[in-house]
Amino acid sequence: LKYDRILACGGSWMVKKDLIQAGNFDRIQDLTRQAAGIVAEVRG
């Protein structure tokens, strides 16, 4: 995310459909944490 004023974004397109359909929210949460960690590293 290029803009520091963006606090969050969301959408079902962000994870694979099968994870949502299976209710695998723990895995979705793990993937979200990984993505947030990458953003934090890039931003420094």
Protein backbone atom coordinates (compact mmCIF):
# COMPACT_ATOMS: atom_id res chain seq x y z
CA LEU A 1 0.00 0.00 0.00
CA LYS A 2 1.56 3.19 -1.16
CA TYR A 3 -0.57 5.59 0.86
CA ASP A 4 0.01 5.89 4.59
CA ARG A 5 -3.61 7.00 5.11
CA ILE A 6 -5.02 3.62 4.09
CA LEU A 7 -5.76 1.74 7.29
CA ALA A 8 -7.24 -1.42 5.85
CA CYS A 9 -8.59 -3.03 2.73
CA GLY A 10 -10.64 -6.13 2.21
CA GLY A 11 -12.48 -8.29 -0.20
CA SER A 12 -13.21 -11.91 -0.89
CA TRP A 13 -10.83 -11.72 -3.86
CA MET A 14 -7.88 -11.53 -1.47
CA VAL A 15 -7.91 -15.24 -0.61
CA LYS A 16 -8.75 -18.39 -2.50
CA LYS A 17 -12.42 -19.19 -2.75
CA ASP A 18 -11.97 -22.66 -1.27
CA LEU A 19 -10.60 -21.21 1.98
CA ILE A 20 -13.72 -19.09 2.41
CA GLN A 21 -16.09 -21.88 1.43
CA ALA A 22 -14.40 -24.29 3.85
CA GLY A 23 -14.59 -21.71 6.64
CA ASN A 24 -10.84 -21.99 7.07
CA PHE A 25 -10.60 -18.65 8.82
CA ASP A 26 -7.53 -19.62 10.85
CA ARG A 27 -5.58 -20.06 7.60
CA ILE A 28 -7.01 -16.81 6.23
CA GLN A 29 -5.88 -15.06 9.41
CA ASP A 30 -2.38 -16.56 9.05
CA LEU A 31 -2.14 -15.38 5.45
CA THR A 32 -3.32 -11.93 6.49
CA ARG A 33 -0.67 -11.70 9.19
CA GLN A 34 2.00 -12.74 6.69
CA ALA A 35 0.87 -10.08 4.23
CA ALA A 36 0.80 -7.41 6.95
CA GLY A 37 4.32 -8.43 7.98
CA ILE A 38 5.58 -8.04 4.43
CA VAL A 39 4.03 -4.58 4.20
CA ALA A 40 5.62 -3.58 7.51
CA GLU A 41 9.04 -4.77 6.28
CA VAL A 42 8.75 -2.91 2.99
CA ARG A 43 7.66 0.29 4.68
CA GLY A 44 10.48 0.03 7.20
